[in-house]
């Protein structure tokens, strides 16, 4: 599960960098913002997977 959380954080960081790039390069802002949106979506997907498949306390199977 740690790897999925790390992946989510990496996607969040990538989105932040892309948003910064959009501000610095207005001629490419649209592409950077679209990429940032995708990165945010992937981060949210990773967090959803962690929540769905993380072991549950008290469940012997961890489900």
PDB file of N, CA and C in Angstrom:
ATOM      1  N   UNK A   1       0.813  -1.191   0.000  1.00  0.00           N
ATOM      2  CA  UNK A   1       0.000   0.000   0.000  1.00  0.00           C
ATOM      3  C   UNK A   1       0.862   1.264   0.000  1.00  0.00           C
ATOM      4  N   UNK A   2       2.033   1.153   0.605  1.00  0.00           N
ATOM      5  CA  UNK A   2       2.917   2.327   0.618  1.00  0.00           C
ATOM      6  C   UNK A   2       3.293   2.761  -0.793  1.00  0.00           C
ATOM      7  N   UNK A   3       3.488   1.780  -1.654  1.00  0.00           N
ATOM      8  CA  UNK A   3       3.887   2.133  -3.016  1.00  0.00           C
ATOM      9  C   UNK A   3       2.771   2.898  -3.731  1.00  0.00           C
ATOM     10  N   UNK A   4       1.519   2.538  -3.462  1.00  0.00           N
ATOM     11  CA  UNK A   4       0.402   3.261  -4.090  1.00  0.00           C
ATOM     12  C   UNK A   4       0.306   4.675  -3.535  1.00  0.00           C
ATOM     13  N   UNK A   5       0.540   4.829  -2.225  1.00  0.00           N
ATOM     14  CA  UNK A   5       0.524   6.175  -1.642  1.00  0.00           C
ATOM     15  C   UNK A   5       1.676   7.010  -2.204  1.00  0.00           C
ATOM     16  N   UNK A   6       2.836   6.394  -2.335  1.00  0.00           N
ATOM     17  CA  UNK A   6       3.976   7.103  -2.926  1.00  0.00           C
ATOM     18  C   UNK A   6       3.668   7.514  -4.358  1.00  0.00           C
ATOM     19  N   UNK A   7       3.006   6.640  -5.077  1.00  0.00           N
ATOM     20  CA  UNK A   7       2.617   6.967  -6.443  1.00  0.00           C
ATOM     21  C   UNK A   7       1.654   8.150  -6.466  1.00  0.00           C
ATOM     22  N   UNK A   8       0.695   8.153  -5.558  1.00  0.00           N
ATOM     23  CA  UNK A   8      -0.253   9.278  -5.483  1.00  0.00           C
ATOM     24  C   UNK A   8       0.475  10.582  -5.189  1.00  0.00           C
ATOM     25  N   UNK A   9       1.406  10.531  -4.249  1.00  0.00           N
ATOM     26  CA  UNK A   9       2.163  11.749  -3.923  1.00  0.00           C
ATOM     27  C   UNK A   9       2.990  12.212  -5.114  1.00  0.00           C
ATOM     28  N   UNK A  10       3.585  11.268  -5.841  1.00  0.00           N
ATOM     29  CA  UNK A  10       4.378  11.628  -7.018  1.00  0.00           C
ATOM     30  C   UNK A  10       3.499  12.277  -8.086  1.00  0.00           C
ATOM     31  N   UNK A  11       2.300  11.746  -8.285  1.00  0.00           N
ATOM     32  CA  UNK A  11       1.380  12.359  -9.245  1.00  0.00           C
ATOM     33  C   UNK A  11       0.984  13.760  -8.800  1.00  0.00           C
ATOM     34  N   UNK A  12       0.761  13.946  -7.493  1.00  0.00           N
ATOM     35  CA  UNK A  12       0.431  15.283  -6.980  1.00  0.00           C
ATOM     36  C   UNK A  12       1.583  16.257  -7.217  1.00  0.00           C
ATOM     37  N   UNK A  13       2.812  15.809  -6.953  1.00  0.00           N
ATOM     38  CA  UNK A  13       3.976  16.673  -7.179  1.00  0.00           C
ATOM     39  C   UNK A  13       4.120  17.013  -8.660  1.00  0.00           C
ATOM     40  N   UNK A  14       3.907  16.027  -9.512  1.00  0.00           N
ATOM     41  CA  UNK A  14       3.991  16.276 -10.959  1.00  0.00           C
ATOM     42  C   UNK A  14       2.941  17.297 -11.380  1.00  0.00           C
ATOM     43  N   UNK A  15       1.737  17.181 -10.828  1.00  0.00           N
ATOM     44  CA  UNK A  15       0.681  18.136 -11.166  1.00  0.00           C
ATOM     45  C   UNK A  15       1.071  19.545 -10.740  1.00  0.00           C
ATOM     46  N   UNK A  16       1.650  19.666  -9.554  1.00  0.00           N
ATOM     47  CA  UNK A  16       2.084  20.990  -9.085  1.00  0.00           C
ATOM     48  C   UNK A  16       3.142  21.575 -10.010  1.00  0.00           C
ATOM     49  N   UNK A  17       4.104  20.759 -10.415  1.00  0.00           N
ATOM     50  CA  UNK A  17       5.146  21.241 -11.327  1.00  0.00           C
ATOM     51  C   UNK A  17       4.554  21.665 -12.665  1.00  0.00           C
ATOM     52  N   UNK A  18       3.631  20.883 -13.184  1.00  0.00           N
ATOM     53  CA  UNK A  18       2.994  21.228 -14.452  1.00  0.00           C
ATOM     54  C   UNK A  18       2.196  22.526 -14.333  1.00  0.00           C
ATOM     55  N   UNK A  19       1.530  22.731 -13.211  1.00  0.00           N
ATOM     56  CA  UNK A  19       0.795  23.989 -13.006  1.00  0.00           C
ATOM     57  C   UNK A  19       1.754  25.166 -12.934  1.00  0.00           C
ATOM     58  N   UNK A  20       2.911  24.962 -12.293  1.00  0.00           N
ATOM     59  CA  UNK A  20       3.935  26.016 -12.264  1.00  0.00           C
ATOM     60  C   UNK A  20       4.448  26.304 -13.670  1.00  0.00           C
ATOM     61  N   UNK A  21       4.659  25.241 -14.441  1.00  0.00           N
ATOM     62  CA  UNK A  21       5.127  25.416 -15.817  1.00  0.00           C
ATOM     63  C   UNK A  21       4.100  26.176 -16.648  1.00  0.00           C
ATOM     64  N   UNK A  22       2.831  25.934 -16.412  1.00  0.00           N
ATOM     65  CA  UNK A  22       1.778  26.641 -17.146  1.00  0.00           C
ATOM     66  C   UNK A  22       1.845  28.135 -16.873  1.00  0.00           C
ATOM     67  N   UNK A  23       2.155  28.489 -15.633  1.00  0.00           N
ATOM     68  CA  UNK A  23       2.239  29.905 -15.280  1.00  0.00           C
ATOM     69  C   UNK A  23       3.448  30.576 -15.931  1.00  0.00           C
ATOM     70  N   UNK A  24       4.523  29.828 -16.069  1.00  0.00           N
ATOM     71  CA  UNK A  24       5.766  30.387 -16.621  1.00  0.00           C
ATOM     72  C   UNK A  24       5.750  30.415 -18.145  1.00  0.00           C
ATOM     73  N   UNK A  25       5.057  29.463 -18.746  1.00  0.00           N
ATOM     74  CA  UNK A  25       5.018  29.354 -20.207  1.00  0.00           C
ATOM     75  C   UNK A  25       3.575  29.455 -20.688  1.00  0.00           C
ATOM     76  N   UNK A  26       3.023  30.656 -20.756  1.00  0.00           N
ATOM     77  CA  UNK A  26       1.618  30.810 -21.137  1.00  0.00           C
ATOM     78  C   UNK A  26       1.280  30.228 -22.508  1.00  0.00           C
ATOM     79  N   UNK A  27       2.252  30.204 -23.411  1.00  0.00           N
ATOM     80  CA  UNK A  27       1.977  29.673 -24.748  1.00  0.00           C
ATOM     81  C   UNK A  27       1.736  28.156 -24.714  1.00  0.00           C
ATOM     82  N   UNK A  28       2.188  27.498 -23.656  1.00  0.00           N
ATOM     83  CA  UNK A  28       1.989  26.058 -23.511  1.00  0.00           C
ATOM     84  C   UNK A  28       1.095  25.721 -22.317  1.00  0.00           C
ATOM     85  N   UNK A  29       0.448  26.726 -21.765  1.00  0.00           N
ATOM     86  CA  UNK A  29      -0.326  26.554 -20.530  1.00  0.00           C
ATOM     87  C   UNK A  29      -1.418  25.506 -20.676  1.00  0.00           C
ATOM     88  N   UNK A  30      -2.130  25.521 -21.778  1.00  0.00           N
ATOM     89  CA  UNK A  30      -3.242  24.590 -21.965  1.00  0.00           C
ATOM     90  C   UNK A  30      -2.768  23.134 -21.862  1.00  0.00           C
ATOM     91  N   UNK A  31      -1.688  22.825 -22.550  1.00  0.00           N
ATOM     92  CA  UNK A  31      -1.161  21.455 -22.521  1.00  0.00           C
ATOM     93  C   UNK A  31      -0.690  21.084 -21.118  1.00  0.00           C
ATOM     94  N   UNK A  32      -0.012  22.014 -20.449  1.00  0.00           N
ATOM     95  CA  UNK A  32       0.476  21.738 -19.094  1.00  0.00           C
ATOM     96  C   UNK A  32      -0.682  21.524 -18.127  1.00  0.00           C
ATOM     97  N   UNK A  33      -1.716  22.327 -18.247  1.00  0.00           N
ATOM     98  CA  UNK A  33      -2.864  22.196 -17.344  1.00  0.00           C
ATOM     99  C   UNK A  33      -3.633  20.903 -17.601  1.00  0.00           C
ATOM    100  N   UNK A  34      -3.716  20.497 -18.847  1.00  0.00           N
ATOM    101  CA  UNK A  34      -4.363  19.215 -19.146  1.00  0.00           C
ATOM    102  C   UNK A  34      -3.568  18.056 -18.546  1.00  0.00           C
ATOM    103  N   UNK A  35      -2.256  18.138 -18.664  1.00  0.00           N
ATOM    104  CA  UNK A  35      -1.406  17.099 -18.085  1.00  0.00           C
ATOM    105  C   UNK A  35      -1.513  17.095 -16.558  1.00  0.00           C
ATOM    106  N   UNK A  36      -1.584  18.265 -15.977  1.00  0.00           N
ATOM    107  CA  UNK A  36      -1.730  18.367 -14.517  1.00  0.00           C
ATOM    108  C   UNK A  36      -3.046  17.731 -14.071  1.00  0.00           C
ATOM    109  N   UNK A  37      -4.096  17.966 -14.824  1.00  0.00           N
ATOM    110  CA  UNK A  37      -5.399  17.382 -14.502  1.00  0.00           C
ATOM    111  C   UNK A  37      -5.329  15.851 -14.545  1.00  0.00           C
ATOM    112  N   UNK A  38      -4.642  15.321 -15.560  1.00  0.00           N
ATOM    113  CA  UNK A  38      -4.469  13.862 -15.651  1.00  0.00           C
ATOM    114  C   UNK A  38      -3.699  13.331 -14.448  1.00  0.00           C
ATOM    115  N   UNK A  39      -2.643  14.029 -14.067  1.00  0.00           N
ATOM    116  CA  UNK A  39      -1.849  13.606 -12.912  1.00  0.00           C
ATOM    117  C   UNK A  39      -2.701  13.598 -11.634  1.00  0.00           C
ATOM    118  N   UNK A  40      -3.535  14.598 -11.462  1.00  0.00           N
ATOM    119  CA  UNK A  40      -4.417  14.655 -10.287  1.00  0.00           C
ATOM    120  C   UNK A  40      -5.406  13.483 -10.305  1.00  0.00           C
ATOM    121  N   UNK A  41      -5.920  13.165 -11.475  1.00  0.00           N
ATOM    122  CA  UNK A  41      -6.844  12.035 -11.603  1.00  0.00           C
ATOM    123  C   UNK A  41      -6.149  10.723 -11.229  1.00  0.00           C
ATOM    124  N   UNK A  42      -4.930  10.548 -11.716  1.00  0.00           N
ATOM    125  CA  UNK A  42      -4.178   9.338 -11.400  1.00  0.00           C
ATOM    126  C   UNK A  42      -3.876   9.258  -9.903  1.00  0.00           C
ATOM    127  N   UNK A  43      -3.569  10.395  -9.301  1.00  0.00           N
ATOM    128  CA  UNK A  43      -3.322  10.416  -7.851  1.00  0.00           C
ATOM    129  C   UNK A  43      -4.578   9.988  -7.096  1.00  0.00           C
ATOM    130  N   UNK A  44      -5.706  10.502  -7.506  1.00  0.00           N
ATOM    131  CA  UNK A  44      -6.962  10.140  -6.854  1.00  0.00           C
ATOM    132  C   UNK A  44      -7.269   8.650  -7.056  1.00  0.00           C
ATOM    133  N   UNK A  45      -7.004   8.141  -8.239  1.00  0.00           N
ATOM    134  CA  UNK A  45      -7.194   6.705  -8.492  1.00  0.00           C
ATOM    135  C   UNK A  45      -6.317   5.869  -7.571  1.00  0.00           C
ATOM    136  N   UNK A  46      -5.065   6.283  -7.396  1.00  0.00           N
ATOM    137  CA  UNK A  46      -4.165   5.552  -6.499  1.00  0.00           C
ATOM    138  C   UNK A  46      -4.698   5.562  -5.067  1.00  0.00           C
ATOM    139  N   UNK A  47      -5.171   6.718  -4.612  1.00  0.00           N
ATOM    140  CA  UNK A  47      -5.727   6.800  -3.250  1.00  0.00           C
ATOM    141  C   UNK A  47      -6.982   5.928  -3.117  1.00  0.00           C
ATOM    142  N   UNK A  48      -7.797   5.891  -4.152  1.00  0.00           N
ATOM    143  CA  UNK A  48      -8.982   5.033  -4.129  1.00  0.00           C
ATOM    144  C   UNK A  48      -8.589   3.563  -4.012  1.00  0.00           C
ATOM    145  N   UNK A  49      -7.559   3.157  -4.745  1.00  0.00           N
ATOM    146  CA  UNK A  49      -7.097   1.771  -4.674  1.00  0.00           C
ATOM    147  C   UNK A  49      -6.572   1.429  -3.282  1.00  0.00           C
ATOM    148  N   UNK A  50      -5.864   2.359  -2.675  1.00  0.00           N
ATOM    149  CA  UNK A  50      -5.358   2.131  -1.321  1.00  0.00           C
ATOM    150  C   UNK A  50      -6.527   1.934  -0.366  1.00  0.00           C
ATOM    151  N   UNK A  51      -7.508   2.785  -0.467  1.00  0.00           N
ATOM    152  CA  UNK A  51      -8.662   2.669   0.420  1.00  0.00           C
ATOM    153  C   UNK A  51      -9.416   1.360   0.176  1.00  0.00           C
ATOM    154  N   UNK A  52      -9.547   0.992  -1.069  1.00  0.00           N
ATOM    155  CA  UNK A  52     -10.304  -0.218  -1.408  1.00  0.00           C
ATOM    156  C   UNK A  52      -9.589  -1.486  -0.953  1.00  0.00           C
ATOM    157  N   UNK A  53      -8.260  -1.528  -1.110  1.00  0.00           N
ATOM    158  CA  UNK A  53      -7.535  -2.777  -0.880  1.00  0.00           C
ATOM    159  C   UNK A  53      -6.664  -2.790   0.371  1.00  0.00           C
ATOM    160  N   UNK A  54      -6.674  -1.728   1.145  1.00  0.00           N
ATOM    161  CA  UNK A  54      -5.877  -1.696   2.373  1.00  0.00           C
ATOM    162  C   UNK A  54      -6.431  -2.702   3.380  1.00  0.00           C
ATOM    163  N   UNK A  55      -5.551  -3.353   4.117  1.00  0.00           N
ATOM    164  CA  UNK A  55      -6.020  -4.280   5.151  1.00  0.00           C
ATOM    165  C   UNK A  55      -6.894  -3.549   6.172  1.00  0.00           C
ATOM    166  N   UNK A  56      -7.930  -4.228   6.628  1.00  0.00           N
ATOM    167  CA  UNK A  56      -8.846  -3.661   7.609  1.00  0.00           C
ATOM    168  C   UNK A  56      -8.530  -4.229   8.991  1.00  0.00           C
ATOM    169  N   UNK A  57      -8.543  -3.396   9.982  1.00  0.00           N
ATOM    170  CA  UNK A  57      -8.290  -3.836  11.363  1.00  0.00           C
ATOM    171  C   UNK A  57      -9.378  -4.828  11.792  1.00  0.00           C
ATOM    172  N   UNK A  58      -8.941  -5.904  12.414  1.00  0.00           N
ATOM    173  CA  UNK A  58      -9.882  -6.880  12.927  1.00  0.00           C
ATOM    174  C   UNK A  58     -10.350  -7.911  11.919  1.00  0.00           C
ATOM    175  N   UNK A  59     -10.020  -7.748  10.678  1.00  0.00           N
ATOM    176  CA  UNK A  59     -10.416  -8.715   9.643  1.00  0.00           C
ATOM    177  C   UNK A  59      -9.244  -9.654   9.418  1.00  0.00           C
ATOM    178  N   UNK A  60      -9.400 -10.948   9.734  1.00  0.00           N
ATOM    179  CA  UNK A  60      -8.267 -11.876   9.612  1.00  0.00           C
ATOM    180  C   UNK A  60      -7.719 -11.987   8.184  1.00  0.00           C
ATOM    181  N   UNK A  61      -8.542 -11.740   7.205  1.00  0.00           N
ATOM    182  CA  UNK A  61      -8.082 -11.790   5.823  1.00  0.00           C
ATOM    183  C   UNK A  61      -7.551 -10.446   5.350  1.00  0.00           C
ATOM    184  N   UNK A  62      -7.698  -9.413   6.179  1.00  0.00           N
ATOM    185  CA  UNK A  62      -7.252  -8.079   5.795  1.00  0.00           C
ATOM    186  C   UNK A  62      -8.130  -7.439   4.746  1.00  0.00           C
ATOM    187  N   UNK A  63      -9.380  -7.911   4.623  1.00  0.00           N
ATOM    188  CA  UNK A  63     -10.267  -7.367   3.594  1.00  0.00           C
ATOM    189  C   UNK A  63     -11.333  -6.502   4.172  1.00  0.00           C
TER     190      UNK A  63
END
